[in-house]
Amino acid sequence: MICTKCYAEYLDNVKVCGECNIPLADACLIDMPIPIMDWKSLPPFEGKIYAEMAAEVLEKHSIPYYLKLDWVTSTFNITGTTQPNEIIRIFVPEDYIDSALELSSSISGIDI
């Protein structure tokens, strides 16, 4: 289910958007435009553990993000451990970059 105003996604049992208070539509039945977003990178994280910690903080603050693993990790689908010299990048929409930098600075070790 999806809100046709704010594009928030919900589980099938939810019928009204919690933000907009309008009825949800079945996402499979409608042709909705995909909003264009400019994504910005946070400073790189050394190791998957730190990147996952930052991602958890972003998630708790409802900041959209995606992780980009380094070549070795993504190619060989290595999970569960941190590889030597492993660099992980987190991308957030441009509108959220300042908040994301502030929230993740203590994890990444950078000062803003």
PDB file of N, CA and C in Angstrom:
ATOM      1  N   MET A   1       0.857  -1.180   0.000  1.00  0.00           N
ATOM      2  CA  MET A   1       0.000   0.000   0.000  1.00  0.00           C
ATOM      3  C   MET A   1       0.894   1.230   0.000  1.00  0.00           C
ATOM      4  N   ILE A   2       0.440   2.279  -0.689  1.00  0.00           N
ATOM      5  CA  ILE A   2       1.253   3.480  -0.821  1.00  0.00           C
ATOM      6  C   ILE A   2       0.378   4.724  -0.758  1.00  0.00           C
ATOM      7  N   CYS A   3       0.925   5.790  -0.194  1.00  0.00           N
ATOM      8  CA  CYS A   3       0.213   7.069  -0.144  1.00  0.00           C
ATOM      9  C   CYS A   3       0.463   7.801  -1.460  1.00  0.00           C
ATOM     10  N   THR A   4      -0.605   8.260  -2.088  1.00  0.00           N
ATOM     11  CA  THR A   4      -0.473   8.949  -3.377  1.00  0.00           C
ATOM     12  C   THR A   4      -0.015  10.393  -3.226  1.00  0.00           C
ATOM     13  N   LYS A   5       0.068  10.874  -1.982  1.00  0.00           N
ATOM     14  CA  LYS A   5       0.516  12.251  -1.745  1.00  0.00           C
ATOM     15  C   LYS A   5       1.996  12.302  -1.344  1.00  0.00           C
ATOM     16  N   CYS A   6       2.394  11.546  -0.330  1.00  0.00           N
ATOM     17  CA  CYS A   6       3.777  11.612   0.168  1.00  0.00           C
ATOM     18  C   CYS A   6       4.620  10.412  -0.268  1.00  0.00           C
ATOM     19  N   TYR A   7       3.994   9.444  -0.952  1.00  0.00           N
ATOM     20  CA  TYR A   7       4.656   8.231  -1.464  1.00  0.00           C
ATOM     21  C   TYR A   7       5.192   7.305  -0.375  1.00  0.00           C
ATOM     22  N   ALA A   8       4.730   7.433   0.846  1.00  0.00           N
ATOM     23  CA  ALA A   8       5.138   6.525   1.916  1.00  0.00           C
ATOM     24  C   ALA A   8       4.538   5.151   1.656  1.00  0.00           C
ATOM     25  N   GLU A   9       5.329   4.110   1.948  1.00  0.00           N
ATOM     26  CA  GLU A   9       4.857   2.743   1.756  1.00  0.00           C
ATOM     27  C   GLU A   9       4.417   2.146   3.082  1.00  0.00           C
ATOM     28  N   TYR A  10       3.355   1.358   3.023  1.00  0.00           N
ATOM     29  CA  TYR A  10       2.797   0.730   4.209  1.00  0.00           C
ATOM     30  C   TYR A  10       2.543  -0.749   3.950  1.00  0.00           C
ATOM     31  N   LEU A  11       2.387  -1.509   5.022  1.00  0.00           N
ATOM     32  CA  LEU A  11       1.997  -2.906   4.902  1.00  0.00           C
ATOM     33  C   LEU A  11       0.570  -2.981   4.380  1.00  0.00           C
ATOM     34  N   ASP A  12       0.204  -4.135   3.835  1.00  0.00           N
ATOM     35  CA  ASP A  12      -1.107  -4.291   3.204  1.00  0.00           C
ATOM     36  C   ASP A  12      -2.280  -4.085   4.144  1.00  0.00           C
ATOM     37  N   ASN A  13      -2.090  -4.310   5.451  1.00  0.00           N
ATOM     38  CA  ASN A  13      -3.221  -4.173   6.373  1.00  0.00           C
ATOM     39  C   ASN A  13      -3.494  -2.719   6.769  1.00  0.00           C
ATOM     40  N   VAL A  14      -2.598  -1.793   6.439  1.00  0.00           N
ATOM     41  CA  VAL A  14      -2.812  -0.382   6.750  1.00  0.00           C
ATOM     42  C   VAL A  14      -3.603   0.245   5.604  1.00  0.00           C
ATOM     43  N   LYS A  15      -4.618   1.025   5.939  1.00  0.00           N
ATOM     44  CA  LYS A  15      -5.510   1.574   4.910  1.00  0.00           C
ATOM     45  C   LYS A  15      -5.455   3.094   4.776  1.00  0.00           C
ATOM     46  N   VAL A  16      -4.862   3.810   5.781  1.00  0.00           N
ATOM     47  CA  VAL A  16      -4.816   5.269   5.765  1.00  0.00           C
ATOM     48  C   VAL A  16      -3.392   5.725   6.071  1.00  0.00           C
ATOM     49  N   CYS A  17      -2.907   6.730   5.356  1.00  0.00           N
ATOM     50  CA  CYS A  17      -1.562   7.261   5.584  1.00  0.00           C
ATOM     51  C   CYS A  17      -1.501   7.944   6.940  1.00  0.00           C
ATOM     52  N   GLY A  18      -0.493   7.603   7.724  1.00  0.00           N
ATOM     53  CA  GLY A  18      -0.322   8.186   9.056  1.00  0.00           C
ATOM     54  C   GLY A  18       0.062   9.651   9.013  1.00  0.00           C
ATOM     55  N   GLU A  19       0.690  10.103   7.940  1.00  0.00           N
ATOM     56  CA  GLU A  19       1.101  11.513   7.812  1.00  0.00           C
ATOM     57  C   GLU A  19      -0.001  12.359   7.168  1.00  0.00           C
ATOM     58  N   CYS A  20      -0.520  11.889   6.042  1.00  0.00           N
ATOM     59  CA  CYS A  20      -1.456  12.693   5.240  1.00  0.00           C
ATOM     60  C   CYS A  20      -2.922  12.449   5.579  1.00  0.00           C
ATOM     61  N   ASN A  21      -3.200  11.360   6.295  1.00  0.00           N
ATOM     62  CA  ASN A  21      -4.564  10.994   6.683  1.00  0.00           C
ATOM     63  C   ASN A  21      -5.491  10.831   5.470  1.00  0.00           C
ATOM     64  N   ILE A  22      -4.953  10.242   4.393  1.00  0.00           N
ATOM     65  CA  ILE A  22      -5.769   9.953   3.214  1.00  0.00           C
ATOM     66  C   ILE A  22      -5.701   8.441   2.951  1.00  0.00           C
ATOM     67  N   PRO A  23      -6.700   7.899   2.248  1.00  0.00           N
ATOM     68  CA  PRO A  23      -6.695   6.466   1.960  1.00  0.00           C
ATOM     69  C   PRO A  23      -5.484   6.070   1.111  1.00  0.00           C
ATOM     70  N   LEU A  24      -4.946   4.893   1.389  1.00  0.00           N
ATOM     71  CA  LEU A  24      -3.804   4.380   0.635  1.00  0.00           C
ATOM     72  C   LEU A  24      -4.287   3.657  -0.607  1.00  0.00           C
ATOM     73  N   ALA A  25      -3.389   3.552  -1.586  1.00  0.00           N
ATOM     74  CA  ALA A  25      -3.702   2.846  -2.825  1.00  0.00           C
ATOM     75  C   ALA A  25      -2.788   1.627  -2.935  1.00  0.00           C
ATOM     76  N   ASP A  26      -3.272   0.619  -3.637  1.00  0.00           N
ATOM     77  CA  ASP A  26      -2.448  -0.555  -3.889  1.00  0.00           C
ATOM     78  C   ASP A  26      -1.381  -0.158  -4.894  1.00  0.00           C
ATOM     79  N   ALA A  27      -0.125  -0.258  -4.520  1.00  0.00           N
ATOM     80  CA  ALA A  27       0.976   0.188  -5.360  1.00  0.00           C
ATOM     81  C   ALA A  27       1.050  -0.580  -6.670  1.00  0.00           C
ATOM     82  N   CYS A  28       0.582  -1.804  -6.686  1.00  0.00           N
ATOM     83  CA  CYS A  28       0.628  -2.613  -7.900  1.00  0.00           C
ATOM     84  C   CYS A  28      -0.384  -2.148  -8.946  1.00  0.00           C
ATOM     85  N   LEU A  29      -1.415  -1.455  -8.510  1.00  0.00           N
ATOM     86  CA  LEU A  29      -2.498  -1.087  -9.422  1.00  0.00           C
ATOM     87  C   LEU A  29      -2.367   0.313 -10.014  1.00  0.00           C
ATOM     88  N   ILE A  30      -1.416   1.095  -9.538  1.00  0.00           N
ATOM     89  CA  ILE A  30      -1.318   2.468 -10.023  1.00  0.00           C
ATOM     90  C   ILE A  30       0.048   2.697 -10.655  1.00  0.00           C
ATOM     91  N   ASP A  31       0.089   3.641 -11.564  1.00  0.00           N
ATOM     92  CA  ASP A  31       1.332   4.022 -12.228  1.00  0.00           C
ATOM     93  C   ASP A  31       1.755   5.372 -11.656  1.00  0.00           C
ATOM     94  N   MET A  32       2.589   5.320 -10.617  1.00  0.00           N
ATOM     95  CA  MET A  32       2.984   6.547  -9.935  1.00  0.00           C
ATOM     96  C   MET A  32       4.341   7.014 -10.441  1.00  0.00           C
ATOM     97  N   PRO A  33       4.507   8.316 -10.534  1.00  0.00           N
ATOM     98  CA  PRO A  33       5.819   8.819 -10.947  1.00  0.00           C
ATOM     99  C   PRO A  33       6.861   8.555  -9.863  1.00  0.00           C
ATOM    100  N   ILE A  34       8.065   8.287 -10.273  1.00  0.00           N
ATOM    101  CA  ILE A  34       9.160   8.094  -9.336  1.00  0.00           C
ATOM    102  C   ILE A  34       9.807   9.455  -9.112  1.00  0.00           C
ATOM    103  N   PRO A  35       9.819   9.928  -7.872  1.00  0.00           N
ATOM    104  CA  PRO A  35      10.412  11.243  -7.630  1.00  0.00           C
ATOM    105  C   PRO A  35      11.918  11.205  -7.892  1.00  0.00           C
ATOM    106  N   ILE A  36      12.422  12.280  -8.477  1.00  0.00           N
ATOM    107  CA  ILE A  36      13.853  12.397  -8.751  1.00  0.00           C
ATOM    108  C   ILE A  36      14.531  12.918  -7.496  1.00  0.00           C
ATOM    109  N   MET A  37      15.603  12.213  -7.085  1.00  0.00           N
ATOM    110  CA  MET A  37      16.353  12.617  -5.900  1.00  0.00           C
ATOM    111  C   MET A  37      17.824  12.701  -6.252  1.00  0.00           C
ATOM    112  N   ASP A  38      18.471  13.733  -5.741  1.00  0.00           N
ATOM    113  CA  ASP A  38      19.922  13.829  -5.841  1.00  0.00           C
ATOM    114  C   ASP A  38      20.501  13.242  -4.572  1.00  0.00           C
ATOM    115  N   TRP A  39      21.345  12.225  -4.712  1.00  0.00           N
ATOM    116  CA  TRP A  39      21.924  11.524  -3.578  1.00  0.00           C
ATOM    117  C   TRP A  39      23.319  12.046  -3.303  1.00  0.00           C
ATOM    118  N   LYS A  40      23.636  12.248  -2.045  1.00  0.00           N
ATOM    119  CA  LYS A  40      24.950  12.729  -1.606  1.00  0.00           C
ATOM    120  C   LYS A  40      25.581  11.679  -0.695  1.00  0.00           C
ATOM    121  N   SER A  41      26.895  11.569  -0.785  1.00  0.00           N
ATOM    122  CA  SER A  41      27.618  10.586   0.003  1.00  0.00           C
ATOM    123  C   SER A  41      28.063  11.169   1.335  1.00  0.00           C
ATOM    124  N   LEU A  42      27.893  10.387   2.382  1.00  0.00           N
ATOM    125  CA  LEU A  42      28.520  10.711   3.659  1.00  0.00           C
ATOM    126  C   LEU A  42      29.994  10.342   3.535  1.00  0.00           C
ATOM    127  N   PRO A  43      30.845  10.818   4.433  1.00  0.00           N
ATOM    128  CA  PRO A  43      32.243  10.369   4.397  1.00  0.00           C
ATOM    129  C   PRO A  43      32.289   8.840   4.496  1.00  0.00           C
ATOM    130  N   PRO A  44      33.267   8.217   3.857  1.00  0.00           N
ATOM    131  CA  PRO A  44      33.321   6.750   3.860  1.00  0.00           C
ATOM    132  C   PRO A  44      33.537   6.179   5.254  1.00  0.00           C
ATOM    133  N   PHE A  45      33.005   4.992   5.449  1.00  0.00           N
ATOM    134  CA  PHE A  45      33.167   4.264   6.706  1.00  0.00           C
ATOM    135  C   PHE A  45      34.161   3.139   6.475  1.00  0.00           C
ATOM    136  N   GLU A  46      35.057   2.951   7.407  1.00  0.00           N
ATOM    137  CA  GLU A  46      36.010   1.852   7.322  1.00  0.00           C
ATOM    138  C   GLU A  46      35.427   0.654   8.053  1.00  0.00           C
ATOM    139  N   GLY A  47      34.804  -0.207   7.305  1.00  0.00           N
ATOM    140  CA  GLY A  47      34.225  -1.412   7.881  1.00  0.00           C
ATOM    141  C   GLY A  47      32.710  -1.387   7.903  1.00  0.00           C
ATOM    142  N   LYS A  48      32.155  -2.557   7.684  1.00  0.00           N
ATOM    143  CA  LYS A  48      30.704  -2.719   7.604  1.00  0.00           C
ATOM    144  C   LYS A  48      30.020  -2.461   8.943  1.00  0.00           C
ATOM    145  N   ILE A  49      30.691  -2.773  10.035  1.00  0.00           N
ATOM    146  CA  ILE A  49      30.083  -2.591  11.355  1.00  0.00           C
ATOM    147  C   ILE A  49      29.748  -1.122  11.595  1.00  0.00           C
ATOM    148  N   TYR A  50      30.694  -0.219  11.296  1.00  0.00           N
ATOM    149  CA  TYR A  50      30.448   1.211  11.500  1.00  0.00           C
ATOM    150  C   TYR A  50      29.377   1.728  10.546  1.00  0.00           C
ATOM    151  N   ALA A  51      29.406   1.254   9.316  1.00  0.00           N
ATOM    152  CA  ALA A  51      28.395   1.677   8.348  1.00  0.00           C
ATOM    153  C   ALA A  51      27.007   1.230   8.786  1.00  0.00           C
ATOM    154  N   GLU A  52      26.902   0.013   9.304  1.00  0.00           N
ATOM    155  CA  GLU A  52      25.598  -0.474   9.765  1.00  0.00           C
ATOM    156  C   GLU A  52      25.118   0.281  11.004  1.00  0.00           C
ATOM    157  N   MET A  53      26.061   0.687  11.861  1.00  0.00           N
ATOM    158  CA  MET A  53      25.680   1.511  13.020  1.00  0.00           C
ATOM    159  C   MET A  53      25.108   2.840  12.549  1.00  0.00           C
ATOM    160  N   ALA A  54      25.770   3.469  11.583  1.00  0.00           N
ATOM    161  CA  ALA A  54      25.291   4.745  11.045  1.00  0.00           C
ATOM    162  C   ALA A  54      23.941   4.562  10.359  1.00  0.00           C
ATOM    163  N   ALA A  55      23.783   3.488   9.604  1.00  0.00           N
ATOM    164  CA  ALA A  55      22.516   3.225   8.921  1.00  0.00           C
ATOM    165  C   ALA A  55      21.379   3.062   9.920  1.00  0.00           C
ATOM    166  N   GLU A  56      21.660   2.404  11.039  1.00  0.00           N
ATOM    167  CA  GLU A  56      20.637   2.236  12.069  1.00  0.00           C
ATOM    168  C   GLU A  56      20.211   3.583  12.652  1.00  0.00           C
ATOM    169  N   VAL A  57      21.171   4.472  12.874  1.00  0.00           N
ATOM    170  CA  VAL A  57      20.854   5.812  13.392  1.00  0.00           C
ATOM    171  C   VAL A  57      20.016   6.575  12.369  1.00  0.00           C
ATOM    172  N   LEU A  58      20.385   6.507  11.094  1.00  0.00           N
ATOM    173  CA  LEU A  58      19.618   7.195  10.052  1.00  0.00           C
ATOM    174  C   LEU A  58      18.194   6.651   9.986  1.00  0.00           C
ATOM    175  N   GLU A  59      18.080   5.348  10.080  1.00  0.00           N
ATOM    176  CA  GLU A  59      16.758   4.718  10.042  1.00  0.00           C
ATOM    177  C   GLU A  59      15.884   5.179  11.209  1.00  0.00           C
ATOM    178  N   LYS A  60      16.464   5.275  12.399  1.00  0.00           N
ATOM    179  CA  LYS A  60      15.701   5.726  13.569  1.00  0.00           C
ATOM    180  C   LYS A  60      15.217   7.157  13.416  1.00  0.00           C
ATOM    181  N   HIS A  61      15.909   7.948  12.598  1.00  0.00           N
ATOM    182  CA  HIS A  61      15.518   9.338  12.366  1.00  0.00           C
ATOM    183  C   HIS A  61      14.788   9.506  11.029  1.00  0.00           C
ATOM    184  N   SER A  62      14.330   8.391  10.450  1.00  0.00           N
ATOM    185  CA  SER A  62      13.553   8.379   9.197  1.00  0.00           C
ATOM    186  C   SER A  62      14.274   9.073   8.047  1.00  0.00           C
ATOM    187  N   ILE A  63      15.575   8.885   7.965  1.00  0.00           N
ATOM    188  CA  ILE A  63      16.359   9.445   6.866  1.00  0.00           C
ATOM    189  C   ILE A  63      16.598   8.325   5.854  1.00  0.00           C
ATOM    190  N   PRO A  64      16.122   8.504   4.607  1.00  0.00           N
ATOM    191  CA  PRO A  64      16.349   7.481   3.586  1.00  0.00           C
ATOM    192  C   PRO A  64      17.846   7.362   3.286  1.00  0.00           C
ATOM    193  N   TYR A  65      18.286   6.161   2.951  1.00  0.00           N
ATOM    194  CA  TYR A  65      19.700   5.952   2.655  1.00  0.00           C
ATOM    195  C   TYR A  65      19.871   4.679   1.842  1.00  0.00           C
ATOM    196  N   TYR A  66      21.035   4.551   1.239  1.00  0.00           N
ATOM    197  CA  TYR A  66      21.438   3.247   0.722  1.00  0.00           C
ATOM    198  C   TYR A  66      22.924   3.083   0.927  1.00  0.00           C
ATOM    199  N   LEU A  67      23.340   1.832   1.119  1.00  0.00           N
ATOM    200  CA  LEU A  67      24.737   1.483   1.344  1.00  0.00           C
ATOM    201  C   LEU A  67      25.362   1.030   0.035  1.00  0.00           C
ATOM    202  N   LYS A  68      26.596   1.432  -0.181  1.00  0.00           N
ATOM    203  CA  LYS A  68      27.343   0.936  -1.325  1.00  0.00           C
ATOM    204  C   LYS A  68      28.603   0.293  -0.799  1.00  0.00           C
ATOM    205  N   LEU A  69      28.675  -1.030  -0.953  1.00  0.00           N
ATOM    206  CA  LEU A  69      29.821  -1.787  -0.481  1.00  0.00           C
ATOM    207  C   LEU A  69      30.987  -1.634  -1.450  1.00  0.00           C
ATOM    208  N   ASP A  70      32.190  -1.905  -0.961  1.00  0.00           N
ATOM    209  CA  ASP A  70      33.334  -1.852  -1.858  1.00  0.00           C
ATOM    210  C   ASP A  70      33.277  -3.025  -2.839  1.00  0.00           C
ATOM    211  N   TRP A  71      34.152  -2.997  -3.823  1.00  0.00           N
ATOM    212  CA  TRP A  71      34.117  -3.966  -4.907  1.00  0.00           C
ATOM    213  C   TRP A  71      34.274  -5.397  -4.411  1.00  0.00           C
ATOM    214  N   VAL A  72      35.242  -5.665  -3.548  1.00  0.00           N
ATOM    215  CA  VAL A  72      35.511  -7.024  -3.089  1.00  0.00           C
ATOM    216  C   VAL A  72      34.318  -7.590  -2.326  1.00  0.00           C
ATOM    217  N   THR A  73      33.782  -6.799  -1.409  1.00  0.00           N
ATOM    218  CA  THR A  73      32.652  -7.263  -0.597  1.00  0.00           C
ATOM    219  C   THR A  73      31.430  -7.545  -1.454  1.00  0.00           C
ATOM    220  N   SER A  74      31.110  -6.646  -2.378  1.00  0.00           N
ATOM    221  CA  SER A  74      29.916  -6.838  -3.191  1.00  0.00           C
ATOM    222  C   SER A  74      30.111  -7.924  -4.250  1.00  0.00           C
ATOM    223  N   THR A  75      31.296  -8.055  -4.801  1.00  0.00           N
ATOM    224  CA  THR A  75      31.548  -9.054  -5.833  1.00  0.00           C
ATOM    225  C   THR A  75      31.479 -10.472  -5.289  1.00  0.00           C
ATOM    226  N   PHE A  76      32.112 -10.678  -4.146  1.00  0.00           N
ATOM    227  CA  PHE A  76      32.154 -12.020  -3.572  1.00  0.00           C
ATOM    228  C   PHE A  76      31.069 -12.258  -2.530  1.00  0.00           C
ATOM    229  N   ASN A  77      30.182 -11.279  -2.346  1.00  0.00           N
ATOM    230  CA  ASN A  77      29.063 -11.382  -1.416  1.00  0.00           C
ATOM    231  C   ASN A  77      29.532 -11.805  -0.021  1.00  0.00           C
ATOM    232  N   ILE A  78      30.577 -11.130   0.441  1.00  0.00           N
ATOM    233  CA  ILE A  78      31.130 -11.417   1.759  1.00  0.00           C
ATOM    234  C   ILE A  78      30.290 -10.687   2.791  1.00  0.00           C
ATOM    235  N   THR A  79      29.792 -11.420   3.778  1.00  0.00           N
ATOM    236  CA  THR A  79      28.984 -10.801   4.823  1.00  0.00           C
ATOM    237  C   THR A  79      29.433 -11.311   6.184  1.00  0.00           C
ATOM    238  N   GLY A  80      29.053 -10.574   7.206  1.00  0.00           N
ATOM    239  CA  GLY A  80      29.284 -11.032   8.570  1.00  0.00           C
ATOM    240  C   GLY A  80      30.565 -10.541   9.210  1.00  0.00           C
ATOM    241  N   THR A  81      31.550 -10.215   8.419  1.00  0.00           N
ATOM    242  CA  THR A  81      32.814  -9.751   8.990  1.00  0.00           C
ATOM    243  C   THR A  81      33.290  -8.525   8.243  1.00  0.00           C
ATOM    244  N   THR A  82      34.185  -7.813   8.854  1.00  0.00           N
ATOM    245  CA  THR A  82      34.803  -6.676   8.203  1.00  0.00           C
ATOM    246  C   THR A  82      36.099  -7.136   7.549  1.00  0.00           C
ATOM    247  N   GLN A  83      36.248  -6.799   6.298  1.00  0.00           N
ATOM    248  CA  GLN A  83      37.452  -7.156   5.563  1.00  0.00           C
ATOM    249  C   GLN A  83      38.498  -6.053   5.745  1.00  0.00           C
ATOM    250  N   PRO A  84      39.789  -6.390   5.671  1.00  0.00           N
ATOM    251  CA  PRO A  84      40.836  -5.363   5.765  1.00  0.00           C
ATOM    252  C   PRO A  84      40.651  -4.317   4.667  1.00  0.00           C
ATOM    253  N   ASN A  85      40.776  -3.056   5.053  1.00  0.00           N
ATOM    254  CA  ASN A  85      40.655  -1.917   4.125  1.00  0.00           C
ATOM    255  C   ASN A  85      39.279  -1.824   3.454  1.00  0.00           C
ATOM    256  N   GLU A  86      38.275  -2.382   4.080  1.00  0.00           N
ATOM    257  CA  GLU A  86      36.924  -2.341   3.521  1.00  0.00           C
ATOM    258  C   GLU A  86      36.351  -0.928   3.674  1.00  0.00           C
ATOM    259  N   ILE A  87      35.895  -0.362   2.581  1.00  0.00           N
ATOM    260  CA  ILE A  87      35.297   0.980   2.588  1.00  0.00           C
ATOM    261  C   ILE A  87      33.835   0.857   2.187  1.00  0.00           C
ATOM    262  N   ILE A  88      32.969   1.406   3.030  1.00  0.00           N
ATOM    263  CA  ILE A  88      31.528   1.405   2.768  1.00  0.00           C
ATOM    264  C   ILE A  88      31.073   2.860   2.667  1.00  0.00           C
ATOM    265  N   ARG A  89      30.258   3.137   1.682  1.00  0.00           N
ATOM    266  CA  ARG A  89      29.698   4.482   1.529  1.00  0.00           C
ATOM    267  C   ARG A  89      28.203   4.428   1.795  1.00  0.00           C
ATOM    268  N   ILE A  90      27.719   5.488   2.419  1.00  0.00           N
ATOM    269  CA  ILE A  90      26.285   5.640   2.641  1.00  0.00           C
ATOM    270  C   ILE A  90      25.845   6.888   1.890  1.00  0.00           C
ATOM    271  N   PHE A  91      24.798   6.745   1.097  1.00  0.00           N
ATOM    272  CA  PHE A  91      24.241   7.851   0.335  1.00  0.00           C
ATOM    273  C   PHE A  91      22.877   8.212   0.900  1.00  0.00           C
ATOM    274  N   VAL A  92      22.611   9.519   1.005  1.00  0.00           N
ATOM    275  CA  VAL A  92      21.323  10.026   1.477  1.00  0.00           C
ATOM    276  C   VAL A  92      20.837  11.081   0.486  1.00  0.00           C
ATOM    277  N   PRO A  93      19.521  11.322   0.404  1.00  0.00           N
ATOM    278  CA  PRO A  93      19.036  12.395  -0.454  1.00  0.00           C
ATOM    279  C   PRO A  93      19.638  13.741  -0.025  1.00  0.00           C
ATOM    280  N   GLU A  94      19.869  14.588  -0.984  1.00  0.00           N
ATOM    281  CA  GLU A  94      20.514  15.882  -0.736  1.00  0.00           C
ATOM    282  C   GLU A  94      19.809  16.680   0.364  1.00  0.00           C
ATOM    283  N   ASP A  95      18.501  16.584   0.434  1.00  0.00           N
ATOM    284  CA  ASP A  95      17.739  17.327   1.447  1.00  0.00           C
ATOM    285  C   ASP A  95      18.067  16.885   2.875  1.00  0.00           C
ATOM    286  N   TYR A  96      18.623  15.689   3.038  1.00  0.00           N
ATOM    287  CA  TYR A  96      18.906  15.139   4.365  1.00  0.00           C
ATOM    288  C   TYR A  96      20.395  15.163   4.730  1.00  0.00           C
ATOM    289  N   ILE A  97      21.242  15.667   3.846  1.00  0.00           N
ATOM    290  CA  ILE A  97      22.682  15.521   4.046  1.00  0.00           C
ATOM    291  C   ILE A  97      23.167  16.174   5.342  1.00  0.00           C
ATOM    292  N   ASP A  98      22.704  17.359   5.670  1.00  0.00           N
ATOM    293  CA  ASP A  98      23.171  18.038   6.889  1.00  0.00           C
ATOM    294  C   ASP A  98      22.803  17.245   8.144  1.00  0.00           C
ATOM    295  N   SER A  99      21.565  16.786   8.212  1.00  0.00           N
ATOM    296  CA  SER A  99      21.133  15.991   9.366  1.00  0.00           C
ATOM    297  C   SER A  99      21.906  14.682   9.436  1.00  0.00           C
ATOM    298  N   ALA A 100      22.097  14.042   8.292  1.00  0.00           N
ATOM    299  CA  ALA A 100      22.807  12.758   8.267  1.00  0.00           C
ATOM    300  C   ALA A 100      24.266  12.925   8.682  1.00  0.00           C
ATOM    301  N   LEU A 101      24.902  14.005   8.246  1.00  0.00           N
ATOM    302  CA  LEU A 101      26.290  14.268   8.647  1.00  0.00           C
ATOM    303  C   LEU A 101      26.390  14.460  10.156  1.00  0.00           C
ATOM    304  N   GLU A 102      25.455  15.226  10.695  1.00  0.00           N
ATOM    305  CA  GLU A 102      25.471  15.486  12.134  1.00  0.00           C
ATOM    306  C   GLU A 102      25.266  14.190  12.930  1.00  0.00           C
ATOM    307  N   LEU A 103      24.309  13.376  12.486  1.00  0.00           N
ATOM    308  CA  LEU A 103      24.004  12.142  13.202  1.00  0.00           C
ATOM    309  C   LEU A 103      25.123  11.108  13.101  1.00  0.00           C
ATOM    310  N   SER A 104      25.812  11.074  11.985  1.00  0.00           N
ATOM    311  CA  SER A 104      26.812  10.030  11.772  1.00  0.00           C
ATOM    312  C   SER A 104      28.235  10.458  12.105  1.00  0.00           C
ATOM    313  N   SER A 105      28.447  11.712  12.447  1.00  0.00           N
ATOM    314  CA  SER A 105      29.814  12.203  12.660  1.00  0.00           C
ATOM    315  C   SER A 105      30.532  11.478  13.797  1.00  0.00           C
ATOM    316  N   SER A 106      29.835  11.132  14.854  1.00  0.00           N
ATOM    317  CA  SER A 106      30.498  10.454  15.962  1.00  0.00           C
ATOM    318  C   SER A 106      30.870   9.012  15.601  1.00  0.00           C
ATOM    319  N   ILE A 107      30.156   8.433  14.643  1.00  0.00           N
ATOM    320  CA  ILE A 107      30.454   7.072  14.227  1.00  0.00           C
ATOM    321  C   ILE A 107      31.582   7.053  13.209  1.00  0.00           C
ATOM    322  N   SER A 108      31.569   8.003  12.282  1.00  0.00           N
ATOM    323  CA  SER A 108      32.585   8.014  11.236  1.00  0.00           C
ATOM    324  C   SER A 108      33.906   8.597  11.722  1.00  0.00           C
ATOM    325  N   GLY A 109      33.865   9.349  12.819  1.00  0.00           N
ATOM    326  CA  GLY A 109      35.091   9.922  13.367  1.00  0.00           C
ATOM    327  C   GLY A 109      35.472  11.269  12.777  1.00  0.00           C
ATOM    328  N   ILE A 110      34.547  11.867  11.975  1.00  0.00           N
ATOM    329  CA  ILE A 110      34.848  13.176  11.405  1.00  0.00           C
ATOM    330  C   ILE A 110      34.202  14.259  12.251  1.00  0.00           C
ATOM    331  N   ASP A 111      34.755  15.436  12.197  1.00  0.00           N
ATOM    332  CA  ASP A 111      34.154  16.582  12.861  1.00  0.00           C
ATOM    333  C   ASP A 111      33.533  17.481  11.811  1.00  0.00           C
ATOM    334  N   ILE A 112      32.298  17.926  12.081  1.00  0.00           N
ATOM    335  CA  ILE A 112      31.646  18.827  11.140  1.00  0.00           C
ATOM    336  C   ILE A 112      31.514  20.208  11.745  1.00  0.00           C
TER     337      ILE A 112
END
